[in-house]
Amino acid sequence: MEINLPFAHFNPLIAAAVFGATIVTDAVFVMFTAAVAARHRIRAANWSAVWYLLAAVSVISYTSNAVYVLFAASGSWVGAYLSMTWLNRGKPEAAHVPPVPPLPPGP
């Protein structure tokens, strides 16, 4: 009796490629969101097209083995973090966000 486990064949190179692809994919998503927030239609449309192309490559890469989803999620986080860092460069106020004061007690 043979048992096929989806995690039995793990390739570190594929994991690294998925991680890198999702870094780029999430960075593009952040740039798309920034373009939308700034109301730049052409820029937002361009970033949107690139985002969907990269997302499709990422999905195709890890659908054969569910363990790659962890690398995709990690790459997504790193991509968003690095993109936001790049967008906030030179803005010292963006480095630290003070905590929100507590709300006054209700009636």
PDB file of N, CA and C in Angstrom:
ATOM      1  N   MET A   1       0.843  -1.173   0.000  1.00  0.00           N
ATOM      2  CA  MET A   1       0.000   0.000   0.000  1.00  0.00           C
ATOM      3  C   MET A   1       0.888   1.237   0.000  1.00  0.00           C
ATOM      4  N   GLU A   2       0.655   2.095  -0.952  1.00  0.00           N
ATOM      5  CA  GLU A   2       1.463   3.321  -1.087  1.00  0.00           C
ATOM      6  C   GLU A   2       0.633   4.530  -0.671  1.00  0.00           C
ATOM      7  N   ILE A   3       1.241   5.379   0.130  1.00  0.00           N
ATOM      8  CA  ILE A   3       0.566   6.600   0.579  1.00  0.00           C
ATOM      9  C   ILE A   3       1.274   7.789  -0.056  1.00  0.00           C
ATOM     10  N   ASN A   4       0.512   8.580  -0.752  1.00  0.00           N
ATOM     11  CA  ASN A   4       1.069   9.776  -1.371  1.00  0.00           C
ATOM     12  C   ASN A   4       0.811  10.974  -0.477  1.00  0.00           C
ATOM     13  N   LEU A   5       1.869  11.522   0.068  1.00  0.00           N
ATOM     14  CA  LEU A   5       1.752  12.710   0.906  1.00  0.00           C
ATOM     15  C   LEU A   5       2.151  13.934   0.090  1.00  0.00           C
ATOM     16  N   PRO A   6       1.374  15.018   0.191  1.00  0.00           N
ATOM     17  CA  PRO A   6       1.706  16.205  -0.604  1.00  0.00           C
ATOM     18  C   PRO A   6       3.020  16.854  -0.172  1.00  0.00           C
ATOM     19  N   PHE A   7       3.503  16.545   1.013  1.00  0.00           N
ATOM     20  CA  PHE A   7       4.727  17.171   1.519  1.00  0.00           C
ATOM     21  C   PHE A   7       5.957  16.288   1.335  1.00  0.00           C
ATOM     22  N   ALA A   8       5.781  15.108   0.729  1.00  0.00           N
ATOM     23  CA  ALA A   8       6.880  14.148   0.636  1.00  0.00           C
ATOM     24  C   ALA A   8       8.015  14.638  -0.253  1.00  0.00           C
ATOM     25  N   HIS A   9       7.719  15.397  -1.278  1.00  0.00           N
ATOM     26  CA  HIS A   9       8.751  15.866  -2.194  1.00  0.00           C
ATOM     27  C   HIS A   9       8.912  17.371  -2.020  1.00  0.00           C
ATOM     28  N   PHE A  10       9.871  17.745  -1.224  1.00  0.00           N
ATOM     29  CA  PHE A  10      10.130  19.161  -0.944  1.00  0.00           C
ATOM     30  C   PHE A  10      11.410  19.565  -1.651  1.00  0.00           C
ATOM     31  N   ASN A  11      11.333  20.641  -2.429  1.00  0.00           N
ATOM     32  CA  ASN A  11      12.496  21.136  -3.157  1.00  0.00           C
ATOM     33  C   ASN A  11      12.838  22.534  -2.634  1.00  0.00           C
ATOM     34  N   PRO A  12      13.997  22.686  -1.972  1.00  0.00           N
ATOM     35  CA  PRO A  12      14.364  23.998  -1.417  1.00  0.00           C
ATOM     36  C   PRO A  12      14.500  25.079  -2.487  1.00  0.00           C
ATOM     37  N   LEU A  13      14.892  24.727  -3.694  1.00  0.00           N
ATOM     38  CA  LEU A  13      15.011  25.730  -4.761  1.00  0.00           C
ATOM     39  C   LEU A  13      13.642  26.259  -5.172  1.00  0.00           C
ATOM     40  N   ILE A  14      12.648  25.368  -5.240  1.00  0.00           N
ATOM     41  CA  ILE A  14      11.293  25.818  -5.553  1.00  0.00           C
ATOM     42  C   ILE A  14      10.771  26.687  -4.414  1.00  0.00           C
ATOM     43  N   ALA A  15      11.046  26.281  -3.169  1.00  0.00           N
ATOM     44  CA  ALA A  15      10.617  27.079  -2.018  1.00  0.00           C
ATOM     45  C   ALA A  15      11.234  28.478  -2.076  1.00  0.00           C
ATOM     46  N   ALA A  16      12.510  28.569  -2.399  1.00  0.00           N
ATOM     47  CA  ALA A  16      13.179  29.879  -2.506  1.00  0.00           C
ATOM     48  C   ALA A  16      12.597  30.695  -3.658  1.00  0.00           C
ATOM     49  N   ALA A  17      12.285  30.033  -4.757  1.00  0.00           N
ATOM     50  CA  ALA A  17      11.701  30.741  -5.899  1.00  0.00           C
ATOM     51  C   ALA A  17      10.311  31.272  -5.560  1.00  0.00           C
ATOM     52  N   VAL A  18       9.508  30.471  -4.862  1.00  0.00           N
ATOM     53  CA  VAL A  18       8.176  30.918  -4.454  1.00  0.00           C
ATOM     54  C   VAL A  18       8.299  32.077  -3.473  1.00  0.00           C
ATOM     55  N   PHE A  19       9.233  31.975  -2.535  1.00  0.00           N
ATOM     56  CA  PHE A  19       9.473  33.048  -1.571  1.00  0.00           C
ATOM     57  C   PHE A  19       9.835  34.340  -2.294  1.00  0.00           C
ATOM     58  N   GLY A  20      10.776  34.264  -3.231  1.00  0.00           N
ATOM     59  CA  GLY A  20      11.184  35.447  -3.994  1.00  0.00           C
ATOM     60  C   GLY A  20      10.067  35.998  -4.866  1.00  0.00           C
ATOM     61  N   ALA A  21       9.317  35.115  -5.489  1.00  0.00           N
ATOM     62  CA  ALA A  21       8.224  35.561  -6.356  1.00  0.00           C
ATOM     63  C   ALA A  21       7.158  36.297  -5.562  1.00  0.00           C
ATOM     64  N   THR A  22       6.874  35.811  -4.350  1.00  0.00           N
ATOM     65  CA  THR A  22       5.861  36.492  -3.561  1.00  0.00           C
ATOM     66  C   THR A  22       6.383  37.786  -2.955  1.00  0.00           C
ATOM     67  N   ILE A  23       7.687  37.905  -2.735  1.00  0.00           N
ATOM     68  CA  ILE A  23       8.246  39.199  -2.323  1.00  0.00           C
ATOM     69  C   ILE A  23       7.947  40.228  -3.408  1.00  0.00           C
ATOM     70  N   VAL A  24       8.264  39.859  -4.632  1.00  0.00           N
ATOM     71  CA  VAL A  24       8.042  40.776  -5.754  1.00  0.00           C
ATOM     72  C   VAL A  24       6.547  41.029  -5.946  1.00  0.00           C
ATOM     73  N   THR A  25       5.732  39.983  -5.857  1.00  0.00           N
ATOM     74  CA  THR A  25       4.291  40.131  -6.047  1.00  0.00           C
ATOM     75  C   THR A  25       3.700  41.080  -5.017  1.00  0.00           C
ATOM     76  N   ASP A  26       4.071  40.924  -3.759  1.00  0.00           N
ATOM     77  CA  ASP A  26       3.511  41.793  -2.737  1.00  0.00           C
ATOM     78  C   ASP A  26       4.049  43.212  -2.842  1.00  0.00           C
ATOM     79  N   ALA A  27       5.296  43.358  -3.239  1.00  0.00           N
ATOM     80  CA  ALA A  27       5.837  44.703  -3.455  1.00  0.00           C
ATOM     81  C   ALA A  27       5.053  45.416  -4.549  1.00  0.00           C
ATOM     82  N   VAL A  28       4.733  44.694  -5.603  1.00  0.00           N
ATOM     83  CA  VAL A  28       3.935  45.281  -6.690  1.00  0.00           C
ATOM     84  C   VAL A  28       2.536  45.625  -6.192  1.00  0.00           C
ATOM     85  N   PHE A  29       1.957  44.777  -5.341  1.00  0.00           N
ATOM     86  CA  PHE A  29       0.640  45.074  -4.781  1.00  0.00           C
ATOM     87  C   PHE A  29       0.670  46.360  -3.954  1.00  0.00           C
ATOM     88  N   VAL A  30       1.723  46.537  -3.166  1.00  0.00           N
ATOM     89  CA  VAL A  30       1.842  47.761  -2.369  1.00  0.00           C
ATOM     90  C   VAL A  30       1.965  48.975  -3.289  1.00  0.00           C
ATOM     91  N   MET A  31       2.734  48.837  -4.356  1.00  0.00           N
ATOM     92  CA  MET A  31       2.868  49.955  -5.298  1.00  0.00           C
ATOM     93  C   MET A  31       1.522  50.247  -5.978  1.00  0.00           C
ATOM     94  N   PHE A  32       0.770  49.197  -6.282  1.00  0.00           N
ATOM     95  CA  PHE A  32      -0.570  49.371  -6.853  1.00  0.00           C
ATOM     96  C   PHE A  32      -1.467  50.133  -5.878  1.00  0.00           C
ATOM     97  N   THR A  33      -1.455  49.720  -4.620  1.00  0.00           N
ATOM     98  CA  THR A  33      -2.280  50.370  -3.607  1.00  0.00           C
ATOM     99  C   THR A  33      -1.885  51.834  -3.424  1.00  0.00           C
ATOM    100  N   ALA A  34      -0.585  52.114  -3.431  1.00  0.00           N
ATOM    101  CA  ALA A  34      -0.113  53.495  -3.305  1.00  0.00           C
ATOM    102  C   ALA A  34      -0.568  54.330  -4.500  1.00  0.00           C
ATOM    103  N   ALA A  35      -0.518  53.742  -5.682  1.00  0.00           N
ATOM    104  CA  ALA A  35      -0.970  54.466  -6.879  1.00  0.00           C
ATOM    105  C   ALA A  35      -2.464  54.740  -6.819  1.00  0.00           C
ATOM    106  N   VAL A  36      -3.235  53.787  -6.311  1.00  0.00           N
ATOM    107  CA  VAL A  36      -4.676  53.996  -6.158  1.00  0.00           C
ATOM    108  C   VAL A  36      -4.941  55.092  -5.138  1.00  0.00           C
ATOM    109  N   ALA A  37      -4.239  55.032  -4.003  1.00  0.00           N
ATOM    110  CA  ALA A  37      -4.437  56.044  -2.959  1.00  0.00           C
ATOM    111  C   ALA A  37      -4.070  57.437  -3.459  1.00  0.00           C
ATOM    112  N   ALA A  38      -3.068  57.510  -4.331  1.00  0.00           N
ATOM    113  CA  ALA A  38      -2.651  58.795  -4.897  1.00  0.00           C
ATOM    114  C   ALA A  38      -3.492  59.180  -6.113  1.00  0.00           C
ATOM    115  N   ARG A  39      -4.395  58.304  -6.501  1.00  0.00           N
ATOM    116  CA  ARG A  39      -5.304  58.527  -7.633  1.00  0.00           C
ATOM    117  C   ARG A  39      -4.570  58.724  -8.963  1.00  0.00           C
ATOM    118  N   HIS A  40      -3.537  57.894  -9.168  1.00  0.00           N
ATOM    119  CA  HIS A  40      -2.815  57.880 -10.438  1.00  0.00           C
ATOM    120  C   HIS A  40      -3.359  56.709 -11.249  1.00  0.00           C
ATOM    121  N   ARG A  41      -4.251  57.003 -12.182  1.00  0.00           N
ATOM    122  CA  ARG A  41      -4.956  55.939 -12.910  1.00  0.00           C
ATOM    123  C   ARG A  41      -4.032  55.077 -13.755  1.00  0.00           C
ATOM    124  N   ILE A  42      -3.195  55.699 -14.561  1.00  0.00           N
ATOM    125  CA  ILE A  42      -2.309  54.922 -15.446  1.00  0.00           C
ATOM    126  C   ILE A  42      -1.333  54.094 -14.631  1.00  0.00           C
ATOM    127  N   ARG A  43      -0.737  54.719 -13.620  1.00  0.00           N
ATOM    128  CA  ARG A  43       0.217  54.001 -12.771  1.00  0.00           C
ATOM    129  C   ARG A  43      -0.474  52.831 -12.063  1.00  0.00           C
ATOM    130  N   ALA A  44      -1.669  53.071 -11.529  1.00  0.00           N
ATOM    131  CA  ALA A  44      -2.410  52.001 -10.842  1.00  0.00           C
ATOM    132  C   ALA A  44      -2.752  50.869 -11.804  1.00  0.00           C
ATOM    133  N   ALA A  45      -3.167  51.220 -13.005  1.00  0.00           N
ATOM    134  CA  ALA A  45      -3.506  50.186 -13.991  1.00  0.00           C
ATOM    135  C   ALA A  45      -2.276  49.366 -14.377  1.00  0.00           C
ATOM    136  N   ASN A  46      -1.158  50.017 -14.549  1.00  0.00           N
ATOM    137  CA  ASN A  46       0.084  49.297 -14.882  1.00  0.00           C
ATOM    138  C   ASN A  46       0.489  48.351 -13.766  1.00  0.00           C
ATOM    139  N   TRP A  47       0.471  48.846 -12.513  1.00  0.00           N
ATOM    140  CA  TRP A  47       0.844  47.997 -11.379  1.00  0.00           C
ATOM    141  C   TRP A  47      -0.142  46.846 -11.228  1.00  0.00           C
ATOM    142  N   SER A  48      -1.424  47.095 -11.496  1.00  0.00           N
ATOM    143  CA  SER A  48      -2.422  46.040 -11.391  1.00  0.00           C
ATOM    144  C   SER A  48      -2.143  44.913 -12.378  1.00  0.00           C
ATOM    145  N   ALA A  49      -1.808  45.271 -13.599  1.00  0.00           N
ATOM    146  CA  ALA A  49      -1.510  44.252 -14.617  1.00  0.00           C
ATOM    147  C   ALA A  49      -0.298  43.425 -14.220  1.00  0.00           C
ATOM    148  N   VAL A  50       0.742  44.080 -13.741  1.00  0.00           N
ATOM    149  CA  VAL A  50       1.952  43.366 -13.318  1.00  0.00           C
ATOM    150  C   VAL A  50       1.642  42.469 -12.123  1.00  0.00           C
ATOM    151  N   TRP A  51       0.842  42.977 -11.189  1.00  0.00           N
ATOM    152  CA  TRP A  51       0.480  42.222  -9.991  1.00  0.00           C
ATOM    153  C   TRP A  51      -0.223  40.924 -10.365  1.00  0.00           C
ATOM    154  N   TYR A  52      -1.177  40.977 -11.274  1.00  0.00           N
ATOM    155  CA  TYR A  52      -1.896  39.769 -11.658  1.00  0.00           C
ATOM    156  C   TYR A  52      -1.002  38.775 -12.387  1.00  0.00           C
ATOM    157  N   LEU A  53      -0.104  39.255 -13.205  1.00  0.00           N
ATOM    158  CA  LEU A  53       0.829  38.342 -13.883  1.00  0.00           C
ATOM    159  C   LEU A  53       1.719  37.619 -12.875  1.00  0.00           C
ATOM    160  N   LEU A  54       2.253  38.367 -11.924  1.00  0.00           N
ATOM    161  CA  LEU A  54       3.122  37.756 -10.918  1.00  0.00           C
ATOM    162  C   LEU A  54       2.347  36.817  -9.998  1.00  0.00           C
ATOM    163  N   ALA A  55       1.137  37.193  -9.627  1.00  0.00           N
ATOM    164  CA  ALA A  55       0.326  36.338  -8.760  1.00  0.00           C
ATOM    165  C   ALA A  55       0.029  35.006  -9.438  1.00  0.00           C
ATOM    166  N   ALA A  56      -0.231  35.042 -10.719  1.00  0.00           N
ATOM    167  CA  ALA A  56      -0.507  33.805 -11.443  1.00  0.00           C
ATOM    168  C   ALA A  56       0.700  32.880 -11.430  1.00  0.00           C
ATOM    169  N   VAL A  57       1.885  33.424 -11.600  1.00  0.00           N
ATOM    170  CA  VAL A  57       3.105  32.615 -11.567  1.00  0.00           C
ATOM    171  C   VAL A  57       3.284  32.000 -10.184  1.00  0.00           C
ATOM    172  N   SER A  58       3.047  32.788  -9.134  1.00  0.00           N
ATOM    173  CA  SER A  58       3.184  32.272  -7.769  1.00  0.00           C
ATOM    174  C   SER A  58       2.211  31.144  -7.498  1.00  0.00           C
ATOM    175  N   VAL A  59       0.973  31.317  -7.882  1.00  0.00           N
ATOM    176  CA  VAL A  59      -0.043  30.293  -7.634  1.00  0.00           C
ATOM    177  C   VAL A  59       0.311  29.012  -8.373  1.00  0.00           C
ATOM    178  N   ILE A  60       0.704  29.116  -9.608  1.00  0.00           N
ATOM    179  CA  ILE A  60       1.054  27.934 -10.393  1.00  0.00           C
ATOM    180  C   ILE A  60       2.244  27.216  -9.771  1.00  0.00           C
ATOM    181  N   SER A  61       3.186  27.965  -9.210  1.00  0.00           N
ATOM    182  CA  SER A  61       4.390  27.365  -8.636  1.00  0.00           C
ATOM    183  C   SER A  61       4.112  26.508  -7.412  1.00  0.00           C
ATOM    184  N   TYR A  62       3.188  26.926  -6.548  1.00  0.00           N
ATOM    185  CA  TYR A  62       3.029  26.172  -5.311  1.00  0.00           C
ATOM    186  C   TYR A  62       1.771  25.312  -5.234  1.00  0.00           C
ATOM    187  N   THR A  63       0.955  25.273  -6.241  1.00  0.00           N
ATOM    188  CA  THR A  63      -0.257  24.459  -6.149  1.00  0.00           C
ATOM    189  C   THR A  63       0.032  22.966  -6.173  1.00  0.00           C
ATOM    190  N   SER A  64       1.184  22.554  -6.653  1.00  0.00           N
ATOM    191  CA  SER A  64       1.483  21.126  -6.657  1.00  0.00           C
ATOM    192  C   SER A  64       1.907  20.621  -5.283  1.00  0.00           C
ATOM    193  N   ASN A  65       2.235  21.510  -4.367  1.00  0.00           N
ATOM    194  CA  ASN A  65       2.639  21.095  -3.022  1.00  0.00           C
ATOM    195  C   ASN A  65       2.247  22.200  -2.047  1.00  0.00           C
ATOM    196  N   ALA A  66       1.343  21.887  -1.139  1.00  0.00           N
ATOM    197  CA  ALA A  66       0.783  22.895  -0.229  1.00  0.00           C
ATOM    198  C   ALA A  66       1.811  23.514   0.710  1.00  0.00           C
ATOM    199  N   VAL A  67       2.932  22.857   0.946  1.00  0.00           N
ATOM    200  CA  VAL A  67       3.926  23.417   1.867  1.00  0.00           C
ATOM    201  C   VAL A  67       4.506  24.726   1.326  1.00  0.00           C
ATOM    202  N   TYR A  68       4.462  24.916   0.019  1.00  0.00           N
ATOM    203  CA  TYR A  68       5.003  26.134  -0.567  1.00  0.00           C
ATOM    204  C   TYR A  68       4.160  27.367  -0.225  1.00  0.00           C
ATOM    205  N   VAL A  69       2.937  27.144   0.236  1.00  0.00           N
ATOM    206  CA  VAL A  69       2.089  28.265   0.649  1.00  0.00           C
ATOM    207  C   VAL A  69       2.756  29.018   1.795  1.00  0.00           C
ATOM    208  N   LEU A  70       3.451  28.319   2.674  1.00  0.00           N
ATOM    209  CA  LEU A  70       4.163  28.978   3.778  1.00  0.00           C
ATOM    210  C   LEU A  70       5.231  29.928   3.244  1.00  0.00           C
ATOM    211  N   PHE A  71       5.922  29.512   2.214  1.00  0.00           N
ATOM    212  CA  PHE A  71       6.941  30.374   1.625  1.00  0.00           C
ATOM    213  C   PHE A  71       6.296  31.543   0.889  1.00  0.00           C
ATOM    214  N   ALA A  72       5.151  31.300   0.283  1.00  0.00           N
ATOM    215  CA  ALA A  72       4.429  32.384  -0.385  1.00  0.00           C
ATOM    216  C   ALA A  72       3.966  33.419   0.634  1.00  0.00           C
ATOM    217  N   ALA A  73       3.434  32.954   1.756  1.00  0.00           N
ATOM    218  CA  ALA A  73       2.982  33.878   2.799  1.00  0.00           C
ATOM    219  C   ALA A  73       4.155  34.672   3.370  1.00  0.00           C
ATOM    220  N   SER A  74       5.275  34.010   3.581  1.00  0.00           N
ATOM    221  CA  SER A  74       6.464  34.709   4.091  1.00  0.00           C
ATOM    222  C   SER A  74       6.963  35.742   3.089  1.00  0.00           C
ATOM    223  N   GLY A  75       7.007  35.370   1.837  1.00  0.00           N
ATOM    224  CA  GLY A  75       7.441  36.304   0.802  1.00  0.00           C
ATOM    225  C   GLY A  75       6.499  37.482   0.672  1.00  0.00           C
ATOM    226  N   SER A  76       5.210  37.232   0.835  1.00  0.00           N
ATOM    227  CA  SER A  76       4.223  38.300   0.778  1.00  0.00           C
ATOM    228  C   SER A  76       4.470  39.318   1.886  1.00  0.00           C
ATOM    229  N   TRP A  77       4.727  38.831   3.086  1.00  0.00           N
ATOM    230  CA  TRP A  77       4.977  39.732   4.216  1.00  0.00           C
ATOM    231  C   TRP A  77       6.233  40.561   3.978  1.00  0.00           C
ATOM    232  N   VAL A  78       7.305  39.895   3.572  1.00  0.00           N
ATOM    233  CA  VAL A  78       8.570  40.599   3.333  1.00  0.00           C
ATOM    234  C   VAL A  78       8.406  41.627   2.220  1.00  0.00           C
ATOM    235  N   GLY A  79       7.705  41.263   1.164  1.00  0.00           N
ATOM    236  CA  GLY A  79       7.492  42.201   0.061  1.00  0.00           C
ATOM    237  C   GLY A  79       6.728  43.439   0.487  1.00  0.00           C
ATOM    238  N   ALA A  80       5.669  43.254   1.275  1.00  0.00           N
ATOM    239  CA  ALA A  80       4.896  44.406   1.753  1.00  0.00           C
ATOM    240  C   ALA A  80       5.728  45.265   2.689  1.00  0.00           C
ATOM    241  N   TYR A  81       6.471  44.632   3.569  1.00  0.00           N
ATOM    242  CA  TYR A  81       7.291  45.383   4.523  1.00  0.00           C
ATOM    243  C   TYR A  81       8.357  46.207   3.809  1.00  0.00           C
ATOM    244  N   LEU A  82       9.061  45.583   2.883  1.00  0.00           N
ATOM    245  CA  LEU A  82      10.106  46.304   2.152  1.00  0.00           C
ATOM    246  C   LEU A  82       9.534  47.415   1.284  1.00  0.00           C
ATOM    247  N   SER A  83       8.379  47.171   0.677  1.00  0.00           N
ATOM    248  CA  SER A  83       7.752  48.200  -0.156  1.00  0.00           C
ATOM    249  C   SER A  83       7.329  49.403   0.677  1.00  0.00           C
ATOM    250  N   MET A  84       6.717  49.149   1.818  1.00  0.00           N
ATOM    251  CA  MET A  84       6.296  50.254   2.675  1.00  0.00           C
ATOM    252  C   MET A  84       7.504  51.003   3.220  1.00  0.00           C
ATOM    253  N   THR A  85       8.572  50.287   3.514  1.00  0.00           N
ATOM    254  CA  THR A  85       9.802  50.946   3.950  1.00  0.00           C
ATOM    255  C   THR A  85      10.323  51.855   2.850  1.00  0.00           C
ATOM    256  N   TRP A  86      10.304  51.371   1.612  1.00  0.00           N
ATOM    257  CA  TRP A  86      10.781  52.174   0.484  1.00  0.00           C
ATOM    258  C   TRP A  86       9.878  53.385   0.273  1.00  0.00           C
ATOM    259  N   LEU A  87       8.572  53.200   0.374  1.00  0.00           N
ATOM    260  CA  LEU A  87       7.641  54.318   0.185  1.00  0.00           C
ATOM    261  C   LEU A  87       7.791  55.377   1.277  1.00  0.00           C
ATOM    262  N   ASN A  88       8.183  54.957   2.477  1.00  0.00           N
ATOM    263  CA  ASN A  88       8.304  55.880   3.599  1.00  0.00           C
ATOM    264  C   ASN A  88       9.731  56.373   3.818  1.00  0.00           C
ATOM    265  N   ARG A  89      10.613  56.141   2.877  1.00  0.00           N
ATOM    266  CA  ARG A  89      12.003  56.564   3.051  1.00  0.00           C
ATOM    267  C   ARG A  89      12.066  58.087   3.196  1.00  0.00           C
ATOM    268  N   GLY A  90      12.921  58.540   4.092  1.00  0.00           N
ATOM    269  CA  GLY A  90      13.091  59.972   4.291  1.00  0.00           C
ATOM    270  C   GLY A  90      11.978  60.616   5.092  1.00  0.00           C
ATOM    271  N   LYS A  91      11.067  59.822   5.622  1.00  0.00           N
ATOM    272  CA  LYS A  91       9.969  60.359   6.429  1.00  0.00           C
ATOM    273  C   LYS A  91      10.120  59.827   7.851  1.00  0.00           C
ATOM    274  N   PRO A  92      10.785  60.595   8.723  1.00  0.00           N
ATOM    275  CA  PRO A  92      11.013  60.076  10.075  1.00  0.00           C
ATOM    276  C   PRO A  92       9.716  59.807  10.836  1.00  0.00           C
ATOM    277  N   GLU A  93       8.645  60.547  10.529  1.00  0.00           N
ATOM    278  CA  GLU A  93       7.389  60.321  11.236  1.00  0.00           C
ATOM    279  C   GLU A  93       6.770  58.978  10.892  1.00  0.00           C
ATOM    280  N   ALA A  94       7.144  58.381   9.757  1.00  0.00           N
ATOM    281  CA  ALA A  94       6.589  57.091   9.364  1.00  0.00           C
ATOM    282  C   ALA A  94       7.292  55.944  10.070  1.00  0.00           C
ATOM    283  N   ALA A  95       8.466  56.216  10.645  1.00  0.00           N
ATOM    284  CA  ALA A  95       9.216  55.152  11.297  1.00  0.00           C
ATOM    285  C   ALA A  95       8.546  54.702  12.595  1.00  0.00           C
ATOM    286  N   HIS A  96       7.908  55.616  13.286  1.00  0.00           N
ATOM    287  CA  HIS A  96       7.267  55.274  14.551  1.00  0.00           C
ATOM    288  C   HIS A  96       5.865  55.879  14.576  1.00  0.00           C
ATOM    289  N   VAL A  97       4.903  55.042  14.803  1.00  0.00           N
ATOM    290  CA  VAL A  97       3.522  55.519  14.925  1.00  0.00           C
ATOM    291  C   VAL A  97       3.159  55.441  16.403  1.00  0.00           C
ATOM    292  N   PRO A  98       2.851  56.602  17.013  1.00  0.00           N
ATOM    293  CA  PRO A  98       2.505  56.563  18.441  1.00  0.00           C
ATOM    294  C   PRO A  98       1.224  55.787  18.672  1.00  0.00           C
ATOM    295  N   PRO A  99       1.091  55.183  19.851  1.00  0.00           N
ATOM    296  CA  PRO A  99      -0.141  54.433  20.122  1.00  0.00           C
ATOM    297  C   PRO A  99      -1.349  55.360  20.171  1.00  0.00           C
ATOM    298  N   VAL A 100      -2.480  54.816  19.831  1.00  0.00           N
ATOM    299  CA  VAL A 100      -3.728  55.576  19.859  1.00  0.00           C
ATOM    300  C   VAL A 100      -4.153  55.728  21.322  1.00  0.00           C
ATOM    301  N   PRO A 101      -4.498  56.967  21.759  1.00  0.00           N
ATOM    302  CA  PRO A 101      -4.925  57.134  23.148  1.00  0.00           C
ATOM    303  C   PRO A 101      -6.232  56.371  23.396  1.00  0.00           C
ATOM    304  N   PRO A 102      -6.435  55.907  24.630  1.00  0.00           N
ATOM    305  CA  PRO A 102      -7.676  55.169  24.916  1.00  0.00           C
ATOM    306  C   PRO A 102      -8.896  56.075  24.808  1.00  0.00           C
ATOM    307  N   LEU A 103     -10.009  55.486  24.455  1.00  0.00           N
ATOM    308  CA  LEU A 103     -11.256  56.233  24.364  1.00  0.00           C
ATOM    309  C   LEU A 103     -11.760  56.576  25.764  1.00  0.00           C
ATOM    310  N   PRO A 104     -12.427  57.723  25.922  1.00  0.00           N
ATOM    311  CA  PRO A 104     -12.989  58.052  27.235  1.00  0.00           C
ATOM    312  C   PRO A 104     -14.087  57.053  27.596  1.00  0.00           C
ATOM    313  N   PRO A 105     -14.312  56.855  28.887  1.00  0.00           N
ATOM    314  CA  PRO A 105     -15.364  55.910  29.279  1.00  0.00           C
ATOM    315  C   PRO A 105     -16.724  56.355  28.764  1.00  0.00           C
ATOM    316  N   GLY A 106     -17.531  55.406  28.379  1.00  0.00           N
ATOM    317  CA  GLY A 106     -18.866  55.684  27.850  1.00  0.00           C
ATOM    318  C   GLY A 106     -19.843  56.054  28.955  1.00  0.00           C
ATOM    319  N   PRO A 107     -21.043  56.507  28.567  1.00  0.00           N
ATOM    320  CA  PRO A 107     -22.042  56.886  29.579  1.00  0.00           C
ATOM    321  C   PRO A 107     -22.573  55.716  30.359  1.00  0.00           C
TER     322      PRO A 107
END
